[in-house]
Amino acid sequence: MCRTLAAFPTTCLERAKEFKTRLGIFLHKSELGCDTGSTGKFEWGSKHSKENRNFSEDVLGWRESFDLLLSSKNGVAAFHAFLKTEFSEENLEFWLACEEFKKIQSATKLASRAHRIFEEFICSEAPKEVNIDHETRELTRMNLQTATATCFDAAQGKTRTLMEKDSYPRFLKSPIYRDLAAQASATSATPSSCSLAKPSHT
């Protein structure tokens, strides 16, 4: 069963379709933005105009490596939307939770958050249980006895490998990404300057 998020429609397919539509609109506006001033008005994923201008390059970079995809806010959002269509978004959500977990400075908060992550993603019958082997699950359980920023490293690594080898190749072949990449390629092929001045003749 799909878990609803405020940013997405009510079904997995509608979420993916809405995501694709919104990014398609973004790419179209990026093409016209320097003439119409509309680029900065469509602020999905980032409020920075520089990232907006480089969005097409960002999209095309996702196919170069899984690391580039995960390092992009828009890439993570796109991949998350795709995973929802496969009912496997818990893998990415766990990976992201681990990344945020590592930033916690307070030992008390670290321990509290560690147990919440374990109960949500790792323990048997967890609401968003990730697909890891028994040994890794038990190692993670032991690590929680003295929670540190690295206590989920083994489980996070297993989940990342699974996504990279399994879900990521399917994402690159999906209509969602292929259409975005085609639009991005067309956008990046257009001249970067939108000056209205006529070319000079010598």
N, C-alpha and C. Protein backbone atom coordinates (compact mmCIF):
# COMPACT_ATOMS: atom_id res chain seq x y z
N MET A 1 0.85 -1.21 0.00
CA MET A 1 0.00 0.00 0.00
C MET A 1 0.87 1.24 0.00
N CYS A 2 0.54 2.21 -0.80
CA CYS A 2 1.35 3.42 -0.89
C CYS A 2 1.15 4.28 0.32
N ARG A 3 2.22 4.91 0.77
CA ARG A 3 2.13 5.85 1.88
C ARG A 3 1.99 7.24 1.30
N THR A 4 1.00 7.97 1.74
CA THR A 4 0.75 9.29 1.16
C THR A 4 1.67 10.33 1.71
N LEU A 5 2.10 11.26 0.84
CA LEU A 5 2.90 12.41 1.22
C LEU A 5 2.21 13.64 0.69
N ALA A 6 2.30 14.74 1.42
CA ALA A 6 1.60 15.95 1.03
C ALA A 6 2.03 16.45 -0.33
N ALA A 7 3.29 16.18 -0.70
CA ALA A 7 3.82 16.72 -1.96
C ALA A 7 3.37 15.93 -3.17
N PHE A 8 2.71 14.78 -2.97
CA PHE A 8 2.36 13.93 -4.09
C PHE A 8 0.86 13.63 -4.10
N PRO A 9 0.27 13.29 -5.25
CA PRO A 9 -1.12 12.88 -5.33
C PRO A 9 -1.37 11.58 -4.58
N THR A 10 -2.57 11.02 -4.69
CA THR A 10 -2.97 9.94 -3.81
C THR A 10 -2.53 8.56 -4.23
N THR A 11 -2.15 8.33 -5.47
CA THR A 11 -1.71 7.01 -5.89
C THR A 11 -0.30 7.08 -6.44
N CYS A 12 0.37 5.93 -6.46
CA CYS A 12 1.76 5.88 -6.91
C CYS A 12 1.90 6.34 -8.36
N LEU A 13 1.02 5.86 -9.23
CA LEU A 13 1.12 6.25 -10.63
C LEU A 13 0.84 7.73 -10.82
N GLU A 14 -0.11 8.25 -10.06
CA GLU A 14 -0.39 9.68 -10.15
C GLU A 14 0.78 10.49 -9.65
N ARG A 15 1.46 10.00 -8.61
CA ARG A 15 2.64 10.71 -8.11
C ARG A 15 3.69 10.81 -9.19
N ALA A 16 3.96 9.67 -9.83
CA ALA A 16 4.99 9.66 -10.86
C ALA A 16 4.60 10.56 -12.03
N LYS A 17 3.33 10.49 -12.43
CA LYS A 17 2.85 11.31 -13.54
C LYS A 17 2.95 12.79 -13.20
N GLU A 18 2.54 13.15 -11.98
CA GLU A 18 2.59 14.55 -11.56
C GLU A 18 4.03 15.04 -11.51
N PHE A 19 4.93 14.20 -11.00
CA PHE A 19 6.34 14.57 -10.94
C PHE A 19 6.89 14.84 -12.33
N LYS A 20 6.59 13.92 -13.25
CA LYS A 20 7.07 14.07 -14.62
C LYS A 20 6.53 15.35 -15.26
N THR A 21 5.25 15.63 -15.02
CA THR A 21 4.63 16.82 -15.58
C THR A 21 5.29 18.08 -15.04
N ARG A 22 5.51 18.12 -13.73
CA ARG A 22 6.08 19.31 -13.11
C ARG A 22 7.50 19.57 -13.60
N LEU A 23 8.29 18.51 -13.74
CA LEU A 23 9.65 18.70 -14.22
C LEU A 23 9.66 19.07 -15.70
N GLY A 24 8.69 18.52 -16.45
CA GLY A 24 8.59 18.90 -17.86
C GLY A 24 8.29 20.39 -18.00
N ILE A 25 7.39 20.88 -17.16
CA ILE A 25 7.08 22.31 -17.17
C ILE A 25 8.31 23.11 -16.79
N PHE A 26 9.05 22.61 -15.81
CA PHE A 26 10.26 23.31 -15.38
C PHE A 26 11.25 23.44 -16.52
N LEU A 27 11.49 22.34 -17.22
CA LEU A 27 12.45 22.37 -18.32
C LEU A 27 11.99 23.31 -19.43
N HIS A 28 10.69 23.31 -19.69
CA HIS A 28 10.16 24.22 -20.71
C HIS A 28 10.37 25.66 -20.30
N LYS A 29 10.12 25.97 -19.03
CA LYS A 29 10.29 27.33 -18.56
C LYS A 29 11.76 27.72 -18.53
N SER A 30 12.63 26.73 -18.29
CA SER A 30 14.06 27.03 -18.30
C SER A 30 14.50 27.49 -19.67
N GLU A 31 13.87 26.92 -20.72
CA GLU A 31 14.21 27.32 -22.09
C GLU A 31 13.81 28.77 -22.35
N LEU A 32 12.68 29.17 -21.77
CA LEU A 32 12.14 30.49 -22.05
C LEU A 32 12.51 31.52 -21.00
N GLY A 33 13.09 31.06 -19.91
CA GLY A 33 13.24 31.92 -18.74
C GLY A 33 13.98 33.21 -18.97
N CYS A 34 15.07 33.20 -19.74
CA CYS A 34 15.85 34.41 -19.88
C CYS A 34 15.17 35.44 -20.76
N ASP A 35 14.16 35.02 -21.54
CA ASP A 35 13.37 35.99 -22.30
C ASP A 35 12.18 36.50 -21.50
N THR A 36 11.56 35.59 -20.71
CA THR A 36 10.32 35.94 -20.05
C THR A 36 10.47 36.26 -18.59
N GLY A 37 11.64 35.91 -18.04
CA GLY A 37 11.84 36.12 -16.61
C GLY A 37 11.12 35.10 -15.76
N SER A 38 10.69 33.97 -16.36
CA SER A 38 9.88 33.01 -15.63
C SER A 38 10.70 31.93 -14.93
N THR A 39 11.99 31.85 -15.20
CA THR A 39 12.78 30.76 -14.65
C THR A 39 12.68 30.70 -13.14
N GLY A 40 12.87 31.82 -12.49
CA GLY A 40 12.87 31.82 -11.04
C GLY A 40 11.52 31.60 -10.41
N LYS A 41 10.44 31.66 -11.20
CA LYS A 41 9.10 31.52 -10.65
C LYS A 41 8.73 30.07 -10.40
N PHE A 42 9.38 29.15 -11.10
CA PHE A 42 9.08 27.73 -10.92
C PHE A 42 10.16 27.14 -10.04
N GLU A 43 9.99 27.25 -8.73
CA GLU A 43 11.04 26.89 -7.79
C GLU A 43 10.72 25.56 -7.15
N TRP A 44 10.88 24.48 -7.92
CA TRP A 44 10.66 23.15 -7.38
C TRP A 44 12.01 22.52 -7.08
N GLY A 45 12.24 22.10 -5.85
CA GLY A 45 13.47 21.44 -5.49
C GLY A 45 14.57 22.39 -5.04
N SER A 46 14.55 23.60 -5.50
CA SER A 46 15.56 24.56 -5.10
C SER A 46 15.07 25.97 -5.36
N LYS A 47 15.46 26.89 -4.52
CA LYS A 47 15.09 28.29 -4.71
C LYS A 47 16.22 29.09 -5.34
N HIS A 48 17.27 28.40 -5.71
CA HIS A 48 18.43 29.11 -6.24
C HIS A 48 18.38 29.15 -7.76
N SER A 49 18.43 30.34 -8.32
CA SER A 49 18.32 30.47 -9.77
C SER A 49 19.47 29.78 -10.49
N LYS A 50 20.64 29.72 -9.86
CA LYS A 50 21.77 29.06 -10.51
C LYS A 50 21.47 27.58 -10.71
N GLU A 51 20.89 26.95 -9.70
CA GLU A 51 20.54 25.53 -9.85
C GLU A 51 19.44 25.36 -10.89
N ASN A 52 18.52 26.32 -10.92
CA ASN A 52 17.45 26.25 -11.92
C ASN A 52 18.04 26.29 -13.33
N ARG A 53 19.00 27.20 -13.55
CA ARG A 53 19.60 27.32 -14.88
C ARG A 53 20.37 26.05 -15.26
N ASN A 54 20.90 25.36 -14.25
CA ASN A 54 21.71 24.17 -14.52
C ASN A 54 20.90 22.89 -14.39
N PHE A 55 19.58 23.02 -14.36
CA PHE A 55 18.76 21.84 -14.11
C PHE A 55 18.91 20.78 -15.19
N SER A 56 18.99 21.20 -16.43
CA SER A 56 19.13 20.23 -17.52
C SER A 56 20.42 19.42 -17.38
N GLU A 57 21.52 20.11 -17.05
CA GLU A 57 22.78 19.41 -16.83
C GLU A 57 22.68 18.46 -15.65
N ASP A 58 21.92 18.88 -14.64
CA ASP A 58 21.71 18.04 -13.46
C ASP A 58 21.01 16.75 -13.86
N VAL A 59 19.94 16.86 -14.63
CA VAL A 59 19.18 15.69 -15.07
C VAL A 59 20.07 14.73 -15.86
N LEU A 60 20.84 15.26 -16.79
CA LEU A 60 21.70 14.41 -17.61
C LEU A 60 22.81 13.77 -16.80
N GLY A 61 23.20 14.42 -15.71
CA GLY A 61 24.25 13.86 -14.87
C GLY A 61 23.82 12.65 -14.08
N TRP A 62 22.52 12.49 -13.86
CA TRP A 62 22.04 11.37 -13.05
C TRP A 62 22.40 10.02 -13.64
N ARG A 63 22.54 9.96 -14.98
CA ARG A 63 22.85 8.68 -15.61
C ARG A 63 24.34 8.36 -15.58
N GLU A 64 25.14 9.33 -15.19
CA GLU A 64 26.59 9.11 -15.18
C GLU A 64 27.02 8.24 -14.01
N SER A 65 26.39 8.44 -12.86
CA SER A 65 26.72 7.60 -11.71
C SER A 65 25.62 7.73 -10.66
N PHE A 66 25.50 6.71 -9.83
CA PHE A 66 24.52 6.72 -8.75
C PHE A 66 24.88 7.78 -7.72
N ASP A 67 26.18 8.02 -7.55
CA ASP A 67 26.62 9.06 -6.62
C ASP A 67 26.10 10.44 -7.04
N LEU A 68 26.15 10.73 -8.33
CA LEU A 68 25.67 12.03 -8.82
C LEU A 68 24.16 12.15 -8.60
N LEU A 69 23.45 11.06 -8.77
CA LEU A 69 22.01 11.07 -8.53
C LEU A 69 21.72 11.38 -7.07
N LEU A 70 22.41 10.69 -6.17
CA LEU A 70 22.16 10.88 -4.74
C LEU A 70 22.64 12.24 -4.23
N SER A 71 23.57 12.87 -4.94
CA SER A 71 24.08 14.17 -4.50
C SER A 71 23.21 15.32 -5.00
N SER A 72 22.21 15.01 -5.82
CA SER A 72 21.31 16.02 -6.37
C SER A 72 19.97 15.97 -5.66
N LYS A 73 19.51 17.11 -5.15
CA LYS A 73 18.20 17.15 -4.49
C LYS A 73 17.10 16.76 -5.46
N ASN A 74 17.18 17.28 -6.67
CA ASN A 74 16.19 16.93 -7.68
C ASN A 74 16.31 15.47 -8.09
N GLY A 75 17.53 14.97 -8.15
CA GLY A 75 17.74 13.57 -8.49
C GLY A 75 17.14 12.65 -7.45
N VAL A 76 17.34 12.97 -6.18
CA VAL A 76 16.77 12.17 -5.10
C VAL A 76 15.24 12.18 -5.19
N ALA A 77 14.67 13.35 -5.47
CA ALA A 77 13.22 13.47 -5.59
C ALA A 77 12.70 12.64 -6.76
N ALA A 78 13.41 12.68 -7.89
CA ALA A 78 13.01 11.90 -9.07
C ALA A 78 13.10 10.41 -8.79
N PHE A 79 14.18 10.00 -8.18
CA PHE A 79 14.39 8.58 -7.86
C PHE A 79 13.34 8.11 -6.86
N HIS A 80 13.01 8.97 -5.90
CA HIS A 80 12.00 8.64 -4.90
C HIS A 80 10.64 8.44 -5.56
N ALA A 81 10.30 9.33 -6.50
CA ALA A 81 9.04 9.20 -7.23
C ALA A 81 8.99 7.89 -8.01
N PHE A 82 10.13 7.53 -8.61
CA PHE A 82 10.20 6.27 -9.36
C PHE A 82 10.04 5.08 -8.42
N LEU A 83 10.73 5.10 -7.30
CA LEU A 83 10.66 3.98 -6.36
C LEU A 83 9.24 3.78 -5.84
N LYS A 84 8.49 4.87 -5.73
CA LYS A 84 7.10 4.75 -5.29
C LYS A 84 6.28 3.92 -6.28
N THR A 85 6.60 4.03 -7.56
CA THR A 85 5.87 3.24 -8.55
C THR A 85 6.20 1.76 -8.42
N GLU A 86 7.33 1.45 -7.78
CA GLU A 86 7.73 0.06 -7.57
C GLU A 86 7.49 -0.39 -6.13
N PHE A 87 6.91 0.49 -5.33
CA PHE A 87 6.63 0.19 -3.92
C PHE A 87 7.89 -0.18 -3.15
N SER A 88 8.99 0.50 -3.45
CA SER A 88 10.25 0.21 -2.77
C SER A 88 10.94 1.48 -2.27
N GLU A 89 10.14 2.51 -2.00
CA GLU A 89 10.73 3.79 -1.59
C GLU A 89 11.38 3.73 -0.21
N GLU A 90 11.07 2.68 0.56
CA GLU A 90 11.66 2.59 1.91
C GLU A 90 13.18 2.51 1.87
N ASN A 91 13.75 1.95 0.80
CA ASN A 91 15.20 1.84 0.71
C ASN A 91 15.86 3.22 0.67
N LEU A 92 15.34 4.09 -0.17
CA LEU A 92 15.89 5.44 -0.26
C LEU A 92 15.59 6.24 1.00
N GLU A 93 14.39 6.07 1.55
CA GLU A 93 14.03 6.81 2.76
C GLU A 93 14.93 6.41 3.92
N PHE A 94 15.30 5.13 3.99
CA PHE A 94 16.23 4.68 5.03
C PHE A 94 17.60 5.29 4.80
N TRP A 95 18.07 5.28 3.56
CA TRP A 95 19.39 5.85 3.26
C TRP A 95 19.43 7.33 3.64
N LEU A 96 18.39 8.06 3.30
CA LEU A 96 18.32 9.48 3.64
C LEU A 96 18.25 9.69 5.14
N ALA A 97 17.50 8.84 5.83
CA ALA A 97 17.41 8.95 7.29
C ALA A 97 18.79 8.74 7.93
N CYS A 98 19.57 7.82 7.37
CA CYS A 98 20.92 7.57 7.89
C CYS A 98 21.83 8.77 7.65
N GLU A 99 21.68 9.42 6.48
CA GLU A 99 22.49 10.59 6.19
C GLU A 99 22.19 11.72 7.17
N GLU A 100 20.92 11.91 7.49
CA GLU A 100 20.54 12.94 8.46
C GLU A 100 20.99 12.54 9.87
N PHE A 101 20.91 11.27 10.16
CA PHE A 101 21.31 10.74 11.47
C PHE A 101 22.77 11.06 11.77
N LYS A 102 23.63 10.96 10.77
CA LYS A 102 25.06 11.19 10.96
C LYS A 102 25.38 12.64 11.32
N LYS A 103 24.44 13.54 11.08
CA LYS A 103 24.67 14.95 11.36
C LYS A 103 24.34 15.33 12.80
N ILE A 104 23.71 14.43 13.53
CA ILE A 104 23.30 14.72 14.90
C ILE A 104 24.53 14.81 15.80
N GLN A 105 24.60 15.86 16.59
CA GLN A 105 25.74 16.07 17.48
C GLN A 105 25.48 15.59 18.90
N SER A 106 24.27 15.73 19.37
CA SER A 106 23.91 15.37 20.73
C SER A 106 23.85 13.85 20.89
N ALA A 107 24.56 13.31 21.91
CA ALA A 107 24.56 11.87 22.16
C ALA A 107 23.17 11.38 22.54
N THR A 108 22.44 12.18 23.29
CA THR A 108 21.09 11.80 23.70
C THR A 108 20.17 11.71 22.49
N LYS A 109 20.23 12.74 21.64
CA LYS A 109 19.39 12.73 20.44
C LYS A 109 19.81 11.62 19.49
N LEU A 110 21.11 11.33 19.45
CA LEU A 110 21.62 10.28 18.57
C LEU A 110 21.02 8.93 18.96
N ALA A 111 21.02 8.64 20.25
CA ALA A 111 20.49 7.36 20.74
C ALA A 111 18.99 7.27 20.48
N SER A 112 18.29 8.36 20.75
CA SER A 112 16.84 8.36 20.55
C SER A 112 16.48 8.17 19.08
N ARG A 113 17.17 8.90 18.23
CA ARG A 113 16.90 8.81 16.79
C ARG A 113 17.29 7.44 16.25
N ALA A 114 18.37 6.86 16.76
CA ALA A 114 18.81 5.54 16.32
C ALA A 114 17.72 4.50 16.54
N HIS A 115 17.09 4.54 17.70
CA HIS A 115 16.05 3.57 18.00
C HIS A 115 14.82 3.79 17.11
N ARG A 116 14.52 5.05 16.81
CA ARG A 116 13.38 5.32 15.94
C ARG A 116 13.64 4.79 14.52
N ILE A 117 14.86 5.01 14.03
CA ILE A 117 15.21 4.51 12.70
C ILE A 117 15.15 2.98 12.67
N PHE A 118 15.66 2.36 13.72
CA PHE A 118 15.65 0.90 13.79
C PHE A 118 14.22 0.36 13.77
N GLU A 119 13.37 0.98 14.55
CA GLU A 119 11.97 0.52 14.63
C GLU A 119 11.21 0.78 13.33
N GLU A 120 11.59 1.83 12.62
CA GLU A 120 10.88 2.18 11.39
C GLU A 120 11.35 1.37 10.18
N PHE A 121 12.67 1.05 10.15
CA PHE A 121 13.22 0.45 8.94
C PHE A 121 13.87 -0.92 9.11
N ILE A 122 14.38 -1.26 10.29
CA ILE A 122 15.24 -2.42 10.43
C ILE A 122 14.58 -3.62 11.09
N CYS A 123 13.88 -3.40 12.20
CA CYS A 123 13.35 -4.54 12.96
C CYS A 123 12.32 -5.32 12.14
N SER A 124 12.13 -6.57 12.48
CA SER A 124 11.16 -7.40 11.78
C SER A 124 9.77 -6.79 11.88
N GLU A 125 9.05 -6.81 10.77
CA GLU A 125 7.70 -6.24 10.68
C GLU A 125 7.70 -4.72 10.85
N ALA A 126 8.84 -4.08 10.62
CA ALA A 126 8.89 -2.62 10.66
C ALA A 126 7.97 -2.06 9.58
N PRO A 127 7.35 -0.89 9.82
CA PRO A 127 6.42 -0.33 8.83
C PRO A 127 7.07 -0.05 7.47
N LYS A 128 8.37 0.24 7.46
CA LYS A 128 9.09 0.48 6.20
C LYS A 128 10.33 -0.43 6.14
N GLU A 129 10.14 -1.68 6.46
CA GLU A 129 11.27 -2.61 6.57
C GLU A 129 12.07 -2.72 5.28
N VAL A 130 13.38 -2.51 5.40
CA VAL A 130 14.27 -2.61 4.24
C VAL A 130 14.75 -4.04 4.08
N ASN A 131 15.20 -4.36 2.88
CA ASN A 131 15.61 -5.72 2.56
C ASN A 131 17.09 -5.92 2.84
N ILE A 132 17.41 -6.35 4.05
CA ILE A 132 18.80 -6.65 4.42
C ILE A 132 18.84 -8.05 5.02
N ASP A 133 20.04 -8.64 5.03
CA ASP A 133 20.18 -10.00 5.54
C ASP A 133 20.13 -10.02 7.07
N HIS A 134 19.95 -11.21 7.60
CA HIS A 134 19.79 -11.39 9.05
C HIS A 134 21.03 -10.93 9.81
N GLU A 135 22.22 -11.24 9.28
CA GLU A 135 23.45 -10.87 9.96
C GLU A 135 23.58 -9.35 10.10
N THR A 136 23.27 -8.64 9.04
CA THR A 136 23.35 -7.18 9.08
C THR A 136 22.31 -6.60 10.04
N ARG A 137 21.15 -7.20 10.04
CA ARG A 137 20.09 -6.76 10.96
C ARG A 137 20.52 -6.92 12.42
N GLU A 138 21.12 -8.07 12.72
CA GLU A 138 21.54 -8.33 14.09
C GLU A 138 22.74 -7.47 14.48
N LEU A 139 23.66 -7.22 13.53
CA LEU A 139 24.79 -6.33 13.80
C LEU A 139 24.29 -4.93 14.13
N THR A 140 23.31 -4.47 13.39
CA THR A 140 22.74 -3.15 13.63
C THR A 140 22.06 -3.11 14.99
N ARG A 141 21.38 -4.18 15.35
CA ARG A 141 20.73 -4.25 16.66
C ARG A 141 21.77 -4.15 17.78
N MET A 142 22.90 -4.82 17.60
CA MET A 142 23.97 -4.76 18.60
C MET A 142 24.56 -3.36 18.67
N ASN A 143 24.71 -2.71 17.53
CA ASN A 143 25.28 -1.37 17.50
C ASN A 143 24.45 -0.36 18.28
N LEU A 144 23.17 -0.61 18.38
CA LEU A 144 22.28 0.32 19.07
C LEU A 144 22.52 0.35 20.58
N GLN A 145 23.22 -0.65 21.10
CA GLN A 145 23.50 -0.67 22.53
C GLN A 145 24.39 0.51 22.93
N THR A 146 25.26 0.91 22.04
CA THR A 146 26.06 2.13 22.23
C THR A 146 26.01 2.90 20.92
N ALA A 147 24.92 3.60 20.72
CA ALA A 147 24.67 4.27 19.43
C ALA A 147 25.72 5.32 19.12
N THR A 148 26.26 5.21 17.91
CA THR A 148 27.19 6.21 17.39
C THR A 148 26.73 6.60 15.99
N ALA A 149 27.40 7.58 15.41
CA ALA A 149 27.01 8.05 14.08
C ALA A 149 27.20 6.98 13.01
N THR A 150 27.96 5.93 13.32
CA THR A 150 28.25 4.89 12.32
C THR A 150 27.46 3.60 12.56
N CYS A 151 26.52 3.60 13.49
CA CYS A 151 25.87 2.34 13.85
C CYS A 151 25.00 1.75 12.74
N PHE A 152 24.63 2.57 11.75
CA PHE A 152 23.82 2.06 10.64
C PHE A 152 24.63 1.87 9.37
N ASP A 153 25.93 2.05 9.44
CA ASP A 153 26.75 2.02 8.23
C ASP A 153 26.60 0.73 7.42
N ALA A 154 26.61 -0.42 8.12
CA ALA A 154 26.52 -1.69 7.41
C ALA A 154 25.17 -1.83 6.70
N ALA A 155 24.10 -1.51 7.40
CA ALA A 155 22.76 -1.61 6.82
C ALA A 155 22.57 -0.59 5.70
N GLN A 156 23.08 0.62 5.91
CA GLN A 156 22.95 1.65 4.88
C GLN A 156 23.72 1.25 3.63
N GLY A 157 24.91 0.67 3.83
CA GLY A 157 25.71 0.22 2.70
C GLY A 157 25.03 -0.87 1.89
N LYS A 158 24.41 -1.82 2.59
CA LYS A 158 23.69 -2.90 1.92
C LYS A 158 22.52 -2.34 1.10
N THR A 159 21.81 -1.40 1.70
CA THR A 159 20.65 -0.82 1.03
C THR A 159 21.08 -0.01 -0.19
N ARG A 160 22.18 0.73 -0.04
CA ARG A 160 22.68 1.53 -1.16
C ARG A 160 23.09 0.62 -2.31
N THR A 161 23.81 -0.46 -2.02
CA THR A 161 24.23 -1.39 -3.05
C THR A 161 23.04 -1.99 -3.77
N LEU A 162 22.01 -2.33 -3.00
CA LEU A 162 20.80 -2.89 -3.59
C LEU A 162 20.15 -1.90 -4.55
N MET A 163 20.05 -0.65 -4.14
CA MET A 163 19.46 0.37 -5.01
C MET A 163 20.29 0.58 -6.27
N GLU A 164 21.62 0.64 -6.09
CA GLU A 164 22.51 0.92 -7.22
C GLU A 164 22.48 -0.19 -8.26
N LYS A 165 22.43 -1.44 -7.79
CA LYS A 165 22.49 -2.58 -8.71
C LYS A 165 21.13 -2.98 -9.25
N ASP A 166 20.07 -2.62 -8.53
CA ASP A 166 18.74 -3.09 -8.90
C ASP A 166 17.83 -1.96 -9.39
N SER A 167 17.51 -1.03 -8.51
CA SER A 167 16.53 0.01 -8.83
C SER A 167 17.08 1.08 -9.76
N TYR A 168 18.33 1.48 -9.55
CA TYR A 168 18.92 2.56 -10.34
C TYR A 168 18.94 2.27 -11.84
N PRO A 169 19.37 1.07 -12.29
CA PRO A 169 19.33 0.79 -13.73
C PRO A 169 17.91 0.85 -14.30
N ARG A 170 16.93 0.38 -13.52
CA ARG A 170 15.54 0.44 -13.99
C ARG A 170 15.05 1.88 -14.05
N PHE A 171 15.50 2.70 -13.12
CA PHE A 171 15.13 4.12 -13.14
C PHE A 171 15.62 4.78 -14.43
N LEU A 172 16.88 4.49 -14.82
CA LEU A 172 17.44 5.09 -16.03
C LEU A 172 16.72 4.64 -17.29
N LYS A 173 16.11 3.45 -17.25
CA LYS A 173 15.39 2.93 -18.40
C LYS A 173 13.90 3.28 -18.36
N SER A 174 13.46 3.89 -17.28
CA SER A 174 12.04 4.18 -17.11
C SER A 174 11.59 5.33 -18.01
N PRO A 175 10.31 5.33 -18.40
CA PRO A 175 9.78 6.46 -19.19
C PRO A 175 9.94 7.78 -18.46
N ILE A 176 9.84 7.76 -17.13
CA ILE A 176 9.98 8.99 -16.35
C ILE A 176 11.33 9.64 -16.63
N TYR A 177 12.41 8.85 -16.52
CA TYR A 177 13.73 9.44 -16.72
C TYR A 177 14.04 9.66 -18.20
N ARG A 178 13.66 8.72 -19.06
CA ARG A 178 13.97 8.88 -20.48
C ARG A 178 13.36 10.16 -21.05
N ASP A 179 12.12 10.44 -20.67
CA ASP A 179 11.47 11.66 -21.15
C ASP A 179 12.16 12.91 -20.60
N LEU A 180 12.52 12.88 -19.32
CA LEU A 180 13.20 14.02 -18.72
C LEU A 180 14.56 14.25 -19.38
N ALA A 181 15.28 13.15 -19.61
CA ALA A 181 16.60 13.26 -20.23
C ALA A 181 16.50 13.81 -21.65
N ALA A 182 15.46 13.39 -22.38
CA ALA A 182 15.28 13.89 -23.74
C ALA A 182 15.01 15.39 -23.73
N GLN A 183 14.15 15.82 -22.80
CA GLN A 183 13.87 17.25 -22.69
C GLN A 183 15.10 18.03 -22.24
N ALA A 184 15.85 17.43 -21.31
CA ALA A 184 17.05 18.08 -20.81
C ALA A 184 18.10 18.21 -21.92
N SER A 185 18.22 17.18 -22.74
CA SER A 185 19.17 17.23 -23.85
C SER A 185 18.81 18.34 -24.82
N ALA A 186 17.51 18.46 -25.09
CA ALA A 186 17.06 19.51 -26.00
C ALA A 186 17.31 20.89 -25.41
N THR A 187 17.07 21.00 -24.10
CA THR A 187 17.28 22.29 -23.42
C THR A 187 18.75 22.68 -23.40
N SER A 188 19.62 21.72 -23.07
CA SER A 188 21.04 22.03 -22.98
C SER A 188 21.66 22.31 -24.34
N ALA A 189 20.97 21.90 -25.41
CA ALA A 189 21.49 22.14 -26.76
C ALA A 189 21.17 23.53 -27.25
N THR A 190 20.26 24.24 -26.56
CA THR A 190 19.91 25.59 -26.98
C THR A 190 20.99 26.56 -26.53
N PRO A 191 21.18 27.69 -27.22
CA PRO A 191 22.19 28.67 -26.81
C PRO A 191 21.94 29.16 -25.40
N SER A 192 23.01 29.32 -24.66
CA SER A 192 22.88 29.76 -23.27
C SER A 192 22.56 31.24 -23.17
N SER A 193 22.91 32.01 -24.19
CA SER A 193 22.63 33.44 -24.17
C SER A 193 21.31 33.72 -24.85
N CYS A 194 20.50 34.57 -24.22
CA CYS A 194 19.20 34.92 -24.80
C CYS A 194 19.15 36.37 -25.18
N SER A 195 20.29 36.92 -25.54
CA SER A 195 20.33 38.32 -25.92
C SER A 195 19.47 38.56 -27.15
N LEU A 196 18.71 39.64 -27.13
CA LEU A 196 17.86 39.99 -28.25
C LEU A 196 18.61 40.76 -29.33
N ALA A 197 19.86 41.10 -29.06
CA ALA A 197 20.63 41.87 -30.03
C ALA A 197 20.91 41.03 -31.27
N LYS A 198 20.81 41.65 -32.43
CA LYS A 198 21.06 40.93 -33.67
C LYS A 198 22.54 40.72 -33.83
N PRO A 199 22.93 39.60 -34.42
CA PRO A 199 24.37 39.34 -34.62
C PRO A 199 24.99 40.39 -35.51
N SER A 200 26.19 40.77 -35.20
CA SER A 200 26.88 41.78 -36.00
C SER A 200 27.43 41.16 -37.26
N HIS A 201 27.48 41.92 -38.32
CA HIS A 201 28.00 41.44 -39.59
C HIS A 201 29.29 42.19 -39.91
N THR A 202 30.28 41.47 -40.28
CA THR A 202 31.57 42.09 -40.60
C THR A 202 31.81 42.02 -42.10
